Amino acid sequence: MKLAEALHIPKAEIDTLAKRAYNYRNVFDKSDNFMRGRNLNGTWQTPFIVDKWGGVFPEGSAWQWTWCVLHDPQGLINLMGGDKAFIAKLDSFMTVLPTFDYSFYHRQIHEMTEMMIAGQGQYDMGNEPSFHTLYLYNYTGEPWMAQRYLRQTMRWLYTPNPNGLPGDDDEGAMSAWYLFSSIGFYPVCPGSGQFVIGSPLFKKVILTLENGKKFVVEAPDNSKRNVYIAKATLNGVDYPKDYITYHDIMSGDTLRFTMSSVPNKNRGIKKQDLPYSYSIDSGK
């Protein structure tokens, strides 16, 4: 819609796009808090097998695809019944057994194998639908859980060995995820102009920008144990937000993290500190 407005597209067309932005609500089943397929007459497809791959869920199941509302995580949180229910579902996603039903494919495809050996529940880092999922903890006021799992994923699944990637690096997407996440943030919803903060992997990163400026990310006390953000400052000023903006980056600012081995459960928990969601931005 932002692009349509900038291009002065007729309002009727913008309204159509705005309505379609909520179409994910039409395939969400509140009885079990999963996305589901519907028949042409609007009824739910049955039987519903939550870990069945294929069909309405290409290269994944309802476990992976339910979270794919990248433009409106708050809307998905509301559908699930609020932060507590959403967090409980996300925790289950990361801890349940990595089971899968491959009856649609008639064989076990490699994405299933990669999820199984990763040891992170139904989280399938080896395929694009799961890339953003760990960052969703930032939208619920529990950013420390994102920090924990992100560092764990980078440490476990990305190594300087022949098997150092957790799956197919389609168009470099997996490498891009690692590059962003190792710096300390990731564009969950690119059009928002925000990069959601995770857990930086390095003590210092300098990005040389095309405008000649440099954006610096510092975490001097970073270590394998210090995976949690105790405090953040932007140009020396306290920064409680769970995201950094494109404008901040291109301005050549300095983002500094104080890292700790224990989570700071008082940072990044206020509503005004949470990342972008379309339903909040549109007021619907």
C-alpha atoms as a PDB file:
ATOM      1  CA  MET A   1       0.000   0.000   0.000  1.00  0.00           C
ATOM      2  CA  LYS A   2       2.869   2.381   0.779  1.00  0.00           C
ATOM      3  CA  LEU A   3       4.273   1.838  -2.714  1.00  0.00           C
ATOM      4  CA  ALA A   4       0.842   2.227  -4.262  1.00  0.00           C
ATOM      5  CA  GLU A   5       0.341   5.522  -2.432  1.00  0.00           C
ATOM      6  CA  ALA A   6       3.772   6.769  -3.506  1.00  0.00           C
ATOM      7  CA  LEU A   7       2.917   5.911  -7.111  1.00  0.00           C
ATOM      8  CA  HIS A   8      -0.461   7.690  -6.798  1.00  0.00           C
ATOM      9  CA  ILE A   9      -2.418   4.553  -7.620  1.00  0.00           C
ATOM     10  CA  PRO A  10      -6.220   5.149  -7.551  1.00  0.00           C
ATOM     11  CA  LYS A  11      -7.715   4.845  -4.071  1.00  0.00           C
ATOM     12  CA  ALA A  12     -10.048   2.032  -5.124  1.00  0.00           C
ATOM     13  CA  GLU A  13      -7.056  -0.122  -6.041  1.00  0.00           C
ATOM     14  CA  ILE A  14      -5.269   0.776  -2.799  1.00  0.00           C
ATOM     15  CA  ASP A  15      -8.368  -0.220  -0.843  1.00  0.00           C
ATOM     16  CA  THR A  16      -8.363  -3.585  -2.642  1.00  0.00           C
ATOM     17  CA  LEU A  17      -4.731  -4.146  -1.688  1.00  0.00           C
ATOM     18  CA  ALA A  18      -5.469  -3.142   1.905  1.00  0.00           C
ATOM     19  CA  LYS A  19      -8.264  -5.704   2.080  1.00  0.00           C
ATOM     20  CA  ARG A  20      -6.040  -8.426   0.635  1.00  0.00           C
ATOM     21  CA  ALA A  21      -3.404  -7.710   3.287  1.00  0.00           C
ATOM     22  CA  TYR A  22      -5.771  -9.368   5.761  1.00  0.00           C
ATOM     23  CA  ASN A  23      -6.546 -12.449   3.657  1.00  0.00           C
ATOM     24  CA  TYR A  24      -4.391 -14.536   6.000  1.00  0.00           C
ATOM     25  CA  ARG A  25      -7.249 -14.284   8.514  1.00  0.00           C
ATOM     26  CA  ASN A  26      -9.429 -16.347   6.165  1.00  0.00           C
ATOM     27  CA  VAL A  27      -7.185 -19.423   6.410  1.00  0.00           C
ATOM     28  CA  PHE A  28      -6.557 -19.299  10.159  1.00  0.00           C
ATOM     29  CA  ASP A  29      -8.403 -21.830  12.293  1.00  0.00           C
ATOM     30  CA  LYS A  30      -8.834 -20.478  15.823  1.00  0.00           C
ATOM     31  CA  SER A  31      -9.806 -23.901  17.139  1.00  0.00           C
ATOM     32  CA  ASP A  32      -6.183 -25.039  17.031  1.00  0.00           C
ATOM     33  CA  ASN A  33      -4.279 -21.835  16.120  1.00  0.00           C
ATOM     34  CA  PHE A  34      -2.974 -23.114  12.788  1.00  0.00           C
ATOM     35  CA  MET A  35      -3.321 -22.013   9.197  1.00  0.00           C
ATOM     36  CA  ARG A  36      -5.389 -24.512   7.187  1.00  0.00           C
ATOM     37  CA  GLY A  37      -6.469 -25.143   3.638  1.00  0.00           C
ATOM     38  CA  ARG A  38     -10.058 -24.515   2.575  1.00  0.00           C
ATOM     39  CA  ASN A  39     -12.221 -26.148  -0.077  1.00  0.00           C
ATOM     40  CA  LEU A  40     -13.841 -24.158  -2.884  1.00  0.00           C
ATOM     41  CA  ASN A  41     -17.064 -23.949  -0.867  1.00  0.00           C
ATOM     42  CA  GLY A  42     -15.196 -22.406   2.080  1.00  0.00           C
ATOM     43  CA  THR A  43     -15.156 -25.453   4.350  1.00  0.00           C
ATOM     44  CA  TRP A  44     -11.951 -26.633   5.961  1.00  0.00           C
ATOM     45  CA  GLN A  45     -10.031 -29.365   4.176  1.00  0.00           C
ATOM     46  CA  THR A  46     -10.117 -32.563   6.187  1.00  0.00           C
ATOM     47  CA  PRO A  47      -8.510 -34.518   7.606  1.00  0.00           C
ATOM     48  CA  PHE A  48      -6.140 -31.904   8.980  1.00  0.00           C
ATOM     49  CA  ILE A  49      -2.701 -33.353   9.692  1.00  0.00           C
ATOM     50  CA  VAL A  50      -0.628 -30.601  11.260  1.00  0.00           C
ATOM     51  CA  ASP A  51       2.743 -32.008  10.203  1.00  0.00           C
ATOM     52  CA  LYS A  52       1.724 -33.017   6.663  1.00  0.00           C
ATOM     53  CA  TRP A  53       4.018 -31.477   4.067  1.00  0.00           C
ATOM     54  CA  GLY A  54       2.880 -30.504   0.581  1.00  0.00           C
ATOM     55  CA  GLY A  55      -0.509 -29.699  -0.895  1.00  0.00           C
ATOM     56  CA  VAL A  56      -1.551 -26.305   0.467  1.00  0.00           C
ATOM     57  CA  PHE A  57       1.811 -26.052   2.272  1.00  0.00           C
ATOM     58  CA  PRO A  58       4.660 -26.410  -0.275  1.00  0.00           C
ATOM     59  CA  GLU A  59       7.928 -27.660   1.226  1.00  0.00           C
ATOM     60  CA  GLY A  60       6.519 -27.424   4.721  1.00  0.00           C
ATOM     61  CA  SER A  61       3.517 -28.053   6.931  1.00  0.00           C
ATOM     62  CA  ALA A  62       1.123 -25.963   8.997  1.00  0.00           C
ATOM     63  CA  TRP A  63       3.828 -25.811  11.656  1.00  0.00           C
ATOM     64  CA  GLN A  64       6.107 -23.746   9.413  1.00  0.00           C
ATOM     65  CA  TRP A  65       3.600 -21.801   7.330  1.00  0.00           C
ATOM     66  CA  THR A  66       1.355 -20.612  10.173  1.00  0.00           C
ATOM     67  CA  TRP A  67       3.972 -17.994  11.081  1.00  0.00           C
ATOM     68  CA  CYS A  68       4.241 -16.522   7.582  1.00  0.00           C
ATOM     69  CA  VAL A  69       2.462 -13.231   8.223  1.00  0.00           C
ATOM     70  CA  LEU A  70       5.614 -11.168   7.917  1.00  0.00           C
ATOM     71  CA  HIS A  71       3.795  -7.877   7.366  1.00  0.00           C
ATOM     72  CA  ASP A  72       1.479  -8.231  10.372  1.00  0.00           C
ATOM     73  CA  PRO A  73       2.803 -10.306  13.303  1.00  0.00           C
ATOM     74  CA  GLN A  74       0.568  -8.374  15.711  1.00  0.00           C
ATOM     75  CA  GLY A  75      -2.456  -9.407  13.691  1.00  0.00           C
ATOM     76  CA  LEU A  76      -1.398 -13.046  14.010  1.00  0.00           C
ATOM     77  CA  ILE A  77      -0.803 -12.573  17.737  1.00  0.00           C
ATOM     78  CA  ASN A  78      -4.335 -11.220  18.081  1.00  0.00           C
ATOM     79  CA  LEU A  79      -5.770 -14.199  16.194  1.00  0.00           C
ATOM     80  CA  MET A  80      -3.989 -16.609  18.524  1.00  0.00           C
ATOM     81  CA  GLY A  81      -5.433 -14.939  21.591  1.00  0.00           C
ATOM     82  CA  GLY A  82      -2.681 -12.540  22.661  1.00  0.00           C
ATOM     83  CA  ASP A  83       0.965 -12.580  23.647  1.00  0.00           C
ATOM     84  CA  LYS A  84       0.829 -15.501  26.099  1.00  0.00           C
ATOM     85  CA  ALA A  85      -0.915 -17.838  23.670  1.00  0.00           C
ATOM     86  CA  PHE A  86       1.389 -16.757  20.847  1.00  0.00           C
ATOM     87  CA  ILE A  87       4.522 -17.315  22.941  1.00  0.00           C
ATOM     88  CA  ALA A  88       3.270 -20.734  24.060  1.00  0.00           C
ATOM     89  CA  LYS A  89       2.703 -21.705  20.422  1.00  0.00           C
ATOM     90  CA  LEU A  90       6.108 -20.403  19.401  1.00  0.00           C
ATOM     91  CA  ASP A  91       7.771 -22.249  22.284  1.00  0.00           C
ATOM     92  CA  SER A  92       6.047 -25.452  21.177  1.00  0.00           C
ATOM     93  CA  PHE A  93       7.207 -24.871  17.606  1.00  0.00           C
ATOM     94  CA  MET A  94      10.799 -24.863  18.830  1.00  0.00           C
ATOM     95  CA  THR A  95      10.532 -27.860  21.161  1.00  0.00           C
ATOM     96  CA  VAL A  96       8.053 -30.430  19.777  1.00  0.00           C
ATOM     97  CA  LEU A  97       9.345 -33.504  17.993  1.00  0.00           C
ATOM     98  CA  PRO A  98      10.406 -32.823  14.359  1.00  0.00           C
ATOM     99  CA  THR A  99       7.814 -35.191  12.905  1.00  0.00           C
ATOM    100  CA  PHE A 100       6.548 -35.024   9.339  1.00  0.00           C
ATOM    101  CA  ASP A 101       3.995 -36.719   7.103  1.00  0.00           C
ATOM    102  CA  TYR A 102       5.375 -37.130   3.581  1.00  0.00           C
ATOM    103  CA  SER A 103       2.370 -38.866   1.995  1.00  0.00           C
ATOM    104  CA  PHE A 104       1.882 -36.008  -0.499  1.00  0.00           C
ATOM    105  CA  TYR A 105       5.477 -36.313  -1.766  1.00  0.00           C
ATOM    106  CA  HIS A 106       5.558 -40.119  -1.407  1.00  0.00           C
ATOM    107  CA  ARG A 107       9.070 -39.850  -0.027  1.00  0.00           C
ATOM    108  CA  GLN A 108      11.112 -37.979   2.548  1.00  0.00           C
ATOM    109  CA  ILE A 109      12.456 -34.836   0.859  1.00  0.00           C
ATOM    110  CA  HIS A 110      15.701 -33.230   1.962  1.00  0.00           C
ATOM    111  CA  GLU A 111      14.027 -30.295   3.752  1.00  0.00           C
ATOM    112  CA  MET A 112      12.381 -32.780   6.101  1.00  0.00           C
ATOM    113  CA  THR A 113      15.713 -34.436   6.818  1.00  0.00           C
ATOM    114  CA  GLU A 114      17.364 -31.078   7.494  1.00  0.00           C
ATOM    115  CA  MET A 115      14.650 -30.101   9.957  1.00  0.00           C
ATOM    116  CA  MET A 116      14.932 -33.448  11.718  1.00  0.00           C
ATOM    117  CA  ILE A 117      18.705 -33.358  12.204  1.00  0.00           C
ATOM    118  CA  ALA A 118      18.748 -29.674  13.249  1.00  0.00           C
ATOM    119  CA  GLY A 119      17.275 -30.552  16.640  1.00  0.00           C
ATOM    120  CA  GLN A 120      15.096 -27.433  16.968  1.00  0.00           C
ATOM    121  CA  GLY A 121      11.585 -28.824  16.943  1.00  0.00           C
ATOM    122  CA  GLN A 122       9.554 -27.919  13.836  1.00  0.00           C
ATOM    123  CA  TYR A 123      11.818 -24.944  13.088  1.00  0.00           C
ATOM    124  CA  ASP A 124      13.239 -25.600   9.617  1.00  0.00           C
ATOM    125  CA  MET A 125      16.140 -23.219   9.119  1.00  0.00           C
ATOM    126  CA  GLY A 126      16.915 -25.085   5.897  1.00  0.00           C
ATOM    127  CA  ASN A 127      13.977 -23.480   4.090  1.00  0.00           C
ATOM    128  CA  GLU A 128      12.727 -19.939   3.583  1.00  0.00           C
ATOM    129  CA  PRO A 129       9.331 -20.125   5.384  1.00  0.00           C
ATOM    130  CA  SER A 130      11.131 -20.372   8.734  1.00  0.00           C
ATOM    131  CA  PHE A 131      13.787 -17.684   8.261  1.00  0.00           C
ATOM    132  CA  HIS A 132      11.924 -14.938  10.136  1.00  0.00           C
ATOM    133  CA  THR A 133      10.287 -17.078  12.807  1.00  0.00           C
ATOM    134  CA  LEU A 134      12.825 -16.660  15.618  1.00  0.00           C
ATOM    135  CA  TYR A 135      12.527 -12.887  15.343  1.00  0.00           C
ATOM    136  CA  LEU A 136       8.802 -13.103  16.152  1.00  0.00           C
ATOM    137  CA  TYR A 137       9.648 -13.241  19.863  1.00  0.00           C
ATOM    138  CA  ASN A 138      10.485  -9.535  19.512  1.00  0.00           C
ATOM    139  CA  TYR A 139       6.850  -8.783  18.729  1.00  0.00           C
ATOM    140  CA  THR A 140       5.624 -10.308  22.004  1.00  0.00           C
ATOM    141  CA  GLY A 141       7.874  -8.537  24.489  1.00  0.00           C
ATOM    142  CA  GLU A 142      10.278 -11.479  24.869  1.00  0.00           C
ATOM    143  CA  PRO A 143      13.235 -10.414  22.706  1.00  0.00           C
ATOM    144  CA  TRP A 144      15.642 -12.425  24.870  1.00  0.00           C
ATOM    145  CA  MET A 145      14.134 -15.643  23.496  1.00  0.00           C
ATOM    146  CA  ALA A 146      14.944 -14.498  19.971  1.00  0.00           C
ATOM    147  CA  GLN A 147      18.478 -13.685  21.104  1.00  0.00           C
ATOM    148  CA  ARG A 148      18.921 -17.125  22.645  1.00  0.00           C
ATOM    149  CA  TYR A 149      17.627 -19.098  19.660  1.00  0.00           C
ATOM    150  CA  LEU A 150      19.329 -16.930  17.051  1.00  0.00           C
ATOM    151  CA  ARG A 151      22.751 -17.376  18.585  1.00  0.00           C
ATOM    152  CA  GLN A 152      22.086 -21.086  19.032  1.00  0.00           C
ATOM    153  CA  THR A 153      21.097 -21.415  15.369  1.00  0.00           C
ATOM    154  CA  MET A 154      24.156 -19.555  14.117  1.00  0.00           C
ATOM    155  CA  ARG A 155      26.417 -21.664  16.315  1.00  0.00           C
ATOM    156  CA  TRP A 156      24.824 -25.068  15.609  1.00  0.00           C
ATOM    157  CA  LEU A 157      23.820 -24.856  11.967  1.00  0.00           C
ATOM    158  CA  TYR A 158      26.395 -22.574  10.347  1.00  0.00           C
ATOM    159  CA  THR A 159      29.948 -23.916  10.457  1.00  0.00           C
ATOM    160  CA  PRO A 160      33.107 -23.639   8.293  1.00  0.00           C
ATOM    161  CA  ASN A 161      32.735 -27.246   7.144  1.00  0.00           C
ATOM    162  CA  PRO A 162      31.453 -28.994   3.987  1.00  0.00           C
ATOM    163  CA  ASN A 163      28.070 -29.372   5.709  1.00  0.00           C
ATOM    164  CA  GLY A 164      28.190 -25.853   7.138  1.00  0.00           C
ATOM    165  CA  LEU A 165      24.862 -24.725   5.664  1.00  0.00           C
ATOM    166  CA  PRO A 166      21.604 -26.176   7.025  1.00  0.00           C
ATOM    167  CA  GLY A 167      19.971 -26.547   3.579  1.00  0.00           C
ATOM    168  CA  ASP A 168      19.783 -25.257  -0.006  1.00  0.00           C
ATOM    169  CA  ASP A 169      21.104 -21.700  -0.255  1.00  0.00           C
ATOM    170  CA  ASP A 170      18.443 -20.690  -2.801  1.00  0.00           C
ATOM    171  CA  GLU A 171      19.609 -17.460  -4.458  1.00  0.00           C
ATOM    172  CA  GLY A 172      21.871 -16.892  -1.444  1.00  0.00           C
ATOM    173  CA  ALA A 173      18.892 -16.486   0.912  1.00  0.00           C
ATOM    174  CA  MET A 174      20.395 -18.644   3.650  1.00  0.00           C
ATOM    175  CA  SER A 175      23.717 -16.827   3.495  1.00  0.00           C
ATOM    176  CA  ALA A 176      21.898 -13.485   3.549  1.00  0.00           C
ATOM    177  CA  TRP A 177      20.017 -14.575   6.686  1.00  0.00           C
ATOM    178  CA  TYR A 178      23.304 -15.457   8.373  1.00  0.00           C
ATOM    179  CA  LEU A 179      24.992 -12.235   7.269  1.00  0.00           C
ATOM    180  CA  PHE A 180      22.167 -10.069   8.591  1.00  0.00           C
ATOM    181  CA  SER A 181      21.750 -12.075  11.803  1.00  0.00           C
ATOM    182  CA  SER A 182      25.465 -12.123  12.566  1.00  0.00           C
ATOM    183  CA  ILE A 183      25.546  -8.321  12.307  1.00  0.00           C
ATOM    184  CA  GLY A 184      22.647  -8.190  14.748  1.00  0.00           C
ATOM    185  CA  PHE A 185      19.395  -7.574  12.857  1.00  0.00           C
ATOM    186  CA  TYR A 186      17.151  -8.900  10.078  1.00  0.00           C
ATOM    187  CA  PRO A 187      14.531  -7.345   7.704  1.00  0.00           C
ATOM    188  CA  VAL A 188      11.441  -9.325   8.732  1.00  0.00           C
ATOM    189  CA  CYS A 189       9.217  -6.973   6.713  1.00  0.00           C
ATOM    190  CA  PRO A 190      11.498  -5.172   4.226  1.00  0.00           C
ATOM    191  CA  GLY A 191       8.973  -2.549   3.124  1.00  0.00           C
ATOM    192  CA  SER A 192       8.617  -1.304   6.705  1.00  0.00           C
ATOM    193  CA  GLY A 193      12.075   0.279   6.726  1.00  0.00           C
ATOM    194  CA  GLN A 194      12.875  -1.605   9.946  1.00  0.00           C
ATOM    195  CA  PHE A 195      15.422  -4.284  10.780  1.00  0.00           C
ATOM    196  CA  VAL A 196      14.453  -6.399  13.791  1.00  0.00           C
ATOM    197  CA  ILE A 197      17.251  -6.752  16.352  1.00  0.00           C
ATOM    198  CA  GLY A 198      18.604 -10.182  17.268  1.00  0.00           C
ATOM    199  CA  SER A 199      21.949 -11.124  18.831  1.00  0.00           C
ATOM    200  CA  PRO A 200      25.138  -9.850  17.130  1.00  0.00           C
ATOM    201  CA  LEU A 201      27.860 -12.413  16.580  1.00  0.00           C
ATOM    202  CA  PHE A 202      30.857 -10.060  16.465  1.00  0.00           C
ATOM    203  CA  LYS A 203      32.430  -7.506  18.768  1.00  0.00           C
ATOM    204  CA  LYS A 204      32.394  -4.881  16.029  1.00  0.00           C
ATOM    205  CA  VAL A 205      31.026  -4.556  12.508  1.00  0.00           C
ATOM    206  CA  ILE A 206      31.469  -1.550  10.228  1.00  0.00           C
ATOM    207  CA  LEU A 207      29.170  -1.168   7.220  1.00  0.00           C
ATOM    208  CA  THR A 208      30.557   1.154   4.547  1.00  0.00           C
ATOM    209  CA  LEU A 209      27.530   2.692   2.857  1.00  0.00           C
ATOM    210  CA  GLU A 210      27.109   3.866  -0.707  1.00  0.00           C
ATOM    211  CA  ASN A 211      26.562   7.433   0.524  1.00  0.00           C
ATOM    212  CA  GLY A 212      30.086   7.428   1.989  1.00  0.00           C
ATOM    213  CA  LYS A 213      28.987   7.082   5.620  1.00  0.00           C
ATOM    214  CA  LYS A 214      29.674   4.170   7.967  1.00  0.00           C
ATOM    215  CA  PHE A 215      27.167   2.399  10.186  1.00  0.00           C
ATOM    216  CA  VAL A 216      28.823   0.749  13.178  1.00  0.00           C
ATOM    217  CA  VAL A 217      27.541  -2.091  15.358  1.00  0.00           C
ATOM    218  CA  GLU A 218      29.562  -2.596  18.549  1.00  0.00           C
ATOM    219  CA  ALA A 219      29.309  -5.359  21.151  1.00  0.00           C
ATOM    220  CA  PRO A 220      32.704  -5.258  22.900  1.00  0.00           C
ATOM    221  CA  ASP A 221      31.873  -7.798  25.598  1.00  0.00           C
ATOM    222  CA  ASN A 222      30.401 -10.284  23.139  1.00  0.00           C
ATOM    223  CA  SER A 223      31.242 -13.974  23.649  1.00  0.00           C
ATOM    224  CA  LYS A 224      29.796 -17.464  23.262  1.00  0.00           C
ATOM    225  CA  ARG A 225      28.140 -17.067  26.674  1.00  0.00           C
ATOM    226  CA  ASN A 226      27.125 -13.416  26.367  1.00  0.00           C
ATOM    227  CA  VAL A 227      24.307 -13.859  23.883  1.00  0.00           C
ATOM    228  CA  TYR A 228      21.735 -11.555  25.522  1.00  0.00           C
ATOM    229  CA  ILE A 229      21.382  -7.797  25.061  1.00  0.00           C
ATOM    230  CA  ALA A 230      21.505  -6.142  28.465  1.00  0.00           C
ATOM    231  CA  LYS A 231      21.453  -2.626  27.046  1.00  0.00           C
ATOM    232  CA  ALA A 232      21.637  -0.820  23.710  1.00  0.00           C
ATOM    233  CA  THR A 233      22.553   2.736  22.796  1.00  0.00           C
ATOM    234  CA  LEU A 234      22.268   4.616  19.517  1.00  0.00           C
ATOM    235  CA  ASN A 235      24.900   7.331  19.220  1.00  0.00           C
ATOM    236  CA  GLY A 236      25.376   7.139  22.989  1.00  0.00           C
ATOM    237  CA  VAL A 237      21.681   7.526  23.841  1.00  0.00           C
ATOM    238  CA  ASP A 238      19.723   4.678  25.467  1.00  0.00           C
ATOM    239  CA  TYR A 239      17.898   2.687  22.787  1.00  0.00           C
ATOM    240  CA  PRO A 240      15.124   0.372  24.064  1.00  0.00           C
ATOM    241  CA  LYS A 241      13.584  -0.474  20.687  1.00  0.00           C
ATOM    242  CA  ASP A 242      13.615  -3.979  19.207  1.00  0.00           C
ATOM    243  CA  TYR A 243      14.485  -2.701  15.750  1.00  0.00           C
ATOM    244  CA  ILE A 244      16.817  -0.316  13.947  1.00  0.00           C
ATOM    245  CA  THR A 245      15.604   1.752  10.989  1.00  0.00           C
ATOM    246  CA  TYR A 246      16.968   2.097   7.494  1.00  0.00           C
ATOM    247  CA  HIS A 247      17.246   5.820   8.158  1.00  0.00           C
ATOM    248  CA  ASP A 248      19.448   5.192  11.207  1.00  0.00           C
ATOM    249  CA  ILE A 249      21.704   2.927   9.189  1.00  0.00           C
ATOM    250  CA  MET A 250      22.054   5.293   6.239  1.00  0.00           C
ATOM    251  CA  SER A 251      22.724   8.187   8.609  1.00  0.00           C
ATOM    252  CA  GLY A 252      25.923   6.475   9.679  1.00  0.00           C
ATOM    253  CA  ASP A 253      24.879   6.001  13.304  1.00  0.00           C
ATOM    254  CA  THR A 254      26.572   3.792  15.904  1.00  0.00           C
ATOM    255  CA  LEU A 255      24.542   1.042  17.549  1.00  0.00           C
ATOM    256  CA  ARG A 256      26.255  -0.300  20.679  1.00  0.00           C
ATOM    257  CA  PHE A 257      25.183  -3.392  22.597  1.00  0.00           C
ATOM    258  CA  THR A 258      26.093  -4.343  26.147  1.00  0.00           C
ATOM    259  CA  MET A 259      25.982  -8.133  26.091  1.00  0.00           C
ATOM    260  CA  SER A 260      25.326 -10.460  29.030  1.00  0.00           C
ATOM    261  CA  SER A 261      25.061 -14.148  29.870  1.00  0.00           C
ATOM    262  CA  VAL A 262      21.635 -13.566  31.423  1.00  0.00           C
ATOM    263  CA  PRO A 263      18.614 -12.003  29.711  1.00  0.00           C
ATOM    264  CA  ASN A 264      17.406  -8.506  30.526  1.00  0.00           C
ATOM    265  CA  LYS A 265      13.655  -9.038  30.780  1.00  0.00           C
ATOM    266  CA  ASN A 266      12.950  -5.331  31.226  1.00  0.00           C
ATOM    267  CA  ARG A 267      14.335  -4.180  27.885  1.00  0.00           C
ATOM    268  CA  GLY A 268      12.319  -3.972  24.655  1.00  0.00           C
ATOM    269  CA  ILE A 269       9.009  -4.982  26.215  1.00  0.00           C
ATOM    270  CA  LYS A 270       6.914  -1.838  25.809  1.00  0.00           C
ATOM    271  CA  LYS A 271       4.452  -1.595  22.936  1.00  0.00           C
ATOM    272  CA  GLN A 272       6.202   1.440  21.487  1.00  0.00           C
ATOM    273  CA  ASP A 273       9.451  -0.531  21.299  1.00  0.00           C
ATOM    274  CA  LEU A 274       8.053  -3.401  19.217  1.00  0.00           C
ATOM    275  CA  PRO A 275       8.651  -3.720  15.450  1.00  0.00           C
ATOM    276  CA  TYR A 276       6.223  -2.866  12.664  1.00  0.00           C
ATOM    277  CA  SER A 277       2.900  -4.626  12.153  1.00  0.00           C
ATOM    278  CA  TYR A 278       0.438  -3.636   9.448  1.00  0.00           C
ATOM    279  CA  SER A 279      -2.656  -3.841  11.651  1.00  0.00           C
ATOM    280  CA  ILE A 280      -1.133  -1.329  14.067  1.00  0.00           C
ATOM    281  CA  ASP A 281       0.034   0.965  11.270  1.00  0.00           C
ATOM    282  CA  SER A 282      -3.374   0.884   9.575  1.00  0.00           C
ATOM    283  CA  GLY A 283      -5.343   1.045  12.822  1.00  0.00           C
ATOM    284  CA  LYS A 284      -7.466  -1.979  11.877  1.00  0.00           C
END
